[in-house]
């Protein structure tokens, strides 16, 4: 079962892109998305790429060869003013797209992205985590919340773990987590 329905979401963006562009531009975008899929990118990244391209086209619809550094800066400023936490993802996705189409000069200057840091009082206390663990109905959920808290892993990193990522040694258990 595919929980996020990436294929449907990506197709919706492609349909929007098709309505916003001429046939030649759409073909270039479609070629790029196929290239990214061929590179082995996840469906989630393909979704982010297609969303970024679609939103840029909605902001300022031009042929991909006619975008300027100012167009990209204006788009990024719009995202930052709107408080979009995903601005860095847009930047990366669009940079990859335009570099694929040999428009390298558009991304010479990277914007400064605000890092959202959590204050200590915004984090869960040990007592709150204990309350959550005690409120669970089964050992699977108890283990999930305990490991999540103790490891500092992100939910996505935890969900991608497989048995081969768990190793036991004299000191306890070691998890091999692929993430930040």
Protein backbone atom coordinates (compact mmCIF):
# COMPACT_ATOMS: atom_id res chain seq x y z
CA UNK A 1 0.00 0.00 0.00
CA UNK A 2 1.37 3.39 -0.99
CA UNK A 3 0.43 5.75 1.82
CA UNK A 4 1.48 9.03 0.21
CA UNK A 5 0.20 8.25 -3.32
CA UNK A 6 3.25 9.90 -4.87
CA UNK A 7 2.33 8.89 -8.43
CA UNK A 8 -1.04 10.64 -8.21
CA UNK A 9 0.43 13.75 -6.63
CA UNK A 10 3.24 13.98 -9.19
CA UNK A 11 0.77 13.49 -12.02
CA UNK A 12 -1.39 16.34 -10.69
CA UNK A 13 1.62 18.66 -10.82
CA UNK A 14 2.53 17.45 -14.30
CA UNK A 15 -1.03 18.16 -15.44
CA UNK A 16 -0.78 21.68 -14.01
CA UNK A 17 2.58 22.18 -15.72
CA UNK A 18 1.12 20.99 -19.02
CA UNK A 19 -1.66 23.60 -18.75
CA UNK A 20 0.83 26.36 -17.90
CA UNK A 21 3.35 25.70 -20.68
CA UNK A 22 3.68 25.10 -24.37
CA UNK A 23 4.46 21.65 -25.74
CA UNK A 24 8.20 22.27 -26.09
CA UNK A 25 8.63 23.52 -22.51
CA UNK A 26 6.51 20.70 -21.15
CA UNK A 27 8.65 18.18 -23.04
CA UNK A 28 11.81 19.63 -21.48
CA UNK A 29 10.30 19.41 -18.01
CA UNK A 30 9.06 15.88 -18.61
CA UNK A 31 12.51 14.88 -19.89
CA UNK A 32 14.10 16.29 -16.74
CA UNK A 33 11.70 14.44 -14.42
CA UNK A 34 12.36 11.18 -16.31
CA UNK A 35 16.09 11.83 -15.96
CA UNK A 36 15.73 12.32 -12.18
CA UNK A 37 13.69 9.11 -11.90
CA UNK A 38 16.34 7.27 -13.92
CA UNK A 39 18.97 8.56 -11.44
CA UNK A 40 17.10 6.61 -8.78
CA UNK A 41 15.55 9.51 -6.90
CA UNK A 42 12.70 8.70 -4.57
CA UNK A 43 9.11 9.44 -5.47
CA UNK A 44 9.12 12.03 -2.68
CA UNK A 45 11.99 13.92 -4.36
CA UNK A 46 10.30 13.72 -7.76
CA UNK A 47 7.21 15.18 -6.10
CA UNK A 48 9.29 18.05 -4.66
CA UNK A 49 10.92 18.67 -8.05
CA UNK A 50 7.60 18.78 -9.92
CA UNK A 51 6.03 20.98 -7.20
CA UNK A 52 8.94 23.43 -7.36
CA UNK A 53 8.79 23.73 -11.13
CA UNK A 54 5.00 24.11 -11.13
CA UNK A 55 5.08 26.82 -8.45
CA UNK A 56 7.81 28.76 -10.28
CA UNK A 57 5.70 28.62 -13.45
CA UNK A 58 2.69 29.89 -11.52
CA UNK A 59 4.79 32.73 -10.12
CA UNK A 60 6.33 33.80 -13.42
CA UNK A 61 5.52 31.73 -16.47
CA UNK A 62 8.32 31.88 -19.03
CA UNK A 63 10.18 29.58 -21.35
CA UNK A 64 12.85 27.83 -19.26
CA UNK A 65 15.61 29.45 -21.31
CA UNK A 66 14.32 32.97 -20.53
CA UNK A 67 14.47 32.93 -16.73
CA UNK A 68 16.89 35.39 -15.18
CA UNK A 69 18.70 35.51 -11.87
CA UNK A 70 16.22 38.22 -10.81
CA UNK A 71 13.26 35.90 -11.56
CA UNK A 72 14.72 33.25 -9.29
CA UNK A 73 15.57 35.77 -6.57
CA UNK A 74 12.05 37.23 -6.71
CA UNK A 75 10.53 33.76 -6.42
CA UNK A 76 12.74 32.84 -3.47
CA UNK A 77 11.96 36.16 -1.74
CA UNK A 78 8.26 35.46 -2.20
CA UNK A 79 8.67 32.05 -0.56
CA UNK A 80 10.66 33.52 2.32
CA UNK A 81 8.12 36.32 2.88
CA UNK A 82 5.34 33.75 2.99
CA UNK A 83 7.32 31.88 5.62
CA UNK A 84 7.64 28.75 3.49
CA UNK A 85 9.76 26.31 5.46
CA UNK A 86 10.38 24.43 2.22
CA UNK A 87 12.19 27.35 0.51
CA UNK A 88 15.50 25.49 0.69
CA UNK A 89 13.91 22.47 -1.03
CA UNK A 90 12.58 24.72 -3.81
CA UNK A 91 16.03 26.25 -4.22
CA UNK A 92 17.74 22.87 -4.52
CA UNK A 93 15.10 21.41 -6.87
CA UNK A 94 15.10 24.41 -9.20
CA UNK A 95 18.90 24.61 -9.21
CA UNK A 96 19.07 20.97 -10.32
CA UNK A 97 16.43 21.58 -13.00
CA UNK A 98 18.07 24.64 -14.53
CA UNK A 99 21.56 23.16 -14.39
CA UNK A 100 20.26 20.10 -16.22
CA UNK A 101 19.16 22.50 -18.98
CA UNK A 102 22.55 24.32 -18.94
CA UNK A 103 21.27 27.48 -17.22
CA UNK A 104 24.08 27.52 -14.64
CA UNK A 105 24.31 31.26 -14.00
CA UNK A 106 20.90 31.53 -12.36
CA UNK A 107 22.05 30.07 -9.06
CA UNK A 108 25.40 31.74 -8.41
CA UNK A 109 24.26 33.35 -5.15
CA UNK A 110 22.44 31.14 -2.67
CA UNK A 111 19.93 32.82 -0.37
CA UNK A 112 20.41 32.66 3.37
CA UNK A 113 17.88 30.26 4.84
CA UNK A 114 16.63 30.76 8.36
CA UNK A 115 17.10 27.69 10.49
CA UNK A 116 14.13 26.99 12.70
CA UNK A 117 15.66 25.97 15.99
CA UNK A 118 13.58 24.60 18.81
CA UNK A 119 13.99 26.22 22.18
CA UNK A 120 14.56 23.87 25.14
CA UNK A 121 11.09 24.62 26.49
CA UNK A 122 9.58 23.50 23.16
CA UNK A 123 11.10 20.02 23.42
CA UNK A 124 9.43 17.12 25.19
CA UNK A 125 10.65 16.47 28.71
CA UNK A 126 11.57 12.96 29.91
CA UNK A 127 8.33 12.92 31.91
CA UNK A 128 6.25 13.79 28.82
CA UNK A 129 7.98 11.06 26.82
CA UNK A 130 7.34 8.61 29.67
CA UNK A 131 3.66 9.60 29.64
CA UNK A 132 3.47 8.96 25.90
CA UNK A 133 5.20 5.57 26.25
CA UNK A 134 2.90 4.57 29.12
CA UNK A 135 -0.17 5.62 27.11
CA UNK A 136 0.66 3.24 24.25
CA UNK A 137 -1.43 0.11 23.85
CA UNK A 138 1.21 -2.31 22.63
CA UNK A 139 4.92 -3.10 22.81
CA UNK A 140 5.53 -2.10 19.17
CA UNK A 141 4.39 1.49 19.81
CA UNK A 142 6.26 1.58 23.12
CA UNK A 143 9.46 0.48 21.38
CA UNK A 144 8.92 2.96 18.53
CA UNK A 145 8.53 6.01 20.80
CA UNK A 146 11.35 4.94 23.11
CA UNK A 147 13.83 4.38 20.27
CA UNK A 148 12.72 7.58 18.55
CA UNK A 149 13.38 9.59 21.70
CA UNK A 150 16.61 7.87 22.72
CA UNK A 151 18.16 7.92 19.24
CA UNK A 152 17.12 11.41 18.19
CA UNK A 153 16.19 9.96 14.78
CA UNK A 154 13.50 11.46 12.61
CA UNK A 155 10.30 9.55 12.01
CA UNK A 156 11.17 8.92 8.35
CA UNK A 157 14.58 7.59 9.35
CA UNK A 158 12.96 5.24 11.86
CA UNK A 159 10.39 4.01 9.36
CA UNK A 160 13.11 3.15 6.85
CA UNK A 161 14.97 0.89 9.31
CA UNK A 162 15.25 -2.79 8.47
CA UNK A 163 16.48 -5.74 10.53
CA UNK A 164 19.91 -5.45 8.89
CA UNK A 165 20.22 -1.95 10.44
CA UNK A 166 20.06 -3.34 14.00
CA UNK A 167 23.21 -4.73 15.61
CA UNK A 168 23.66 -6.08 19.12
CA UNK A 169 26.90 -5.77 21.07
CA UNK A 170 28.07 -6.00 24.69
CA UNK A 171 26.81 -2.51 25.46
CA UNK A 172 23.31 -2.96 24.02
CA UNK A 173 21.83 -2.26 20.64
CA UNK A 174 23.28 -0.18 17.81
CA UNK A 175 21.03 1.23 15.09
CA UNK A 176 22.49 2.14 11.71
CA UNK A 177 20.40 5.16 10.73
CA UNK A 178 20.72 6.76 7.34
CA UNK A 179 19.95 10.45 7.81
CA UNK A 180 21.19 13.82 8.99
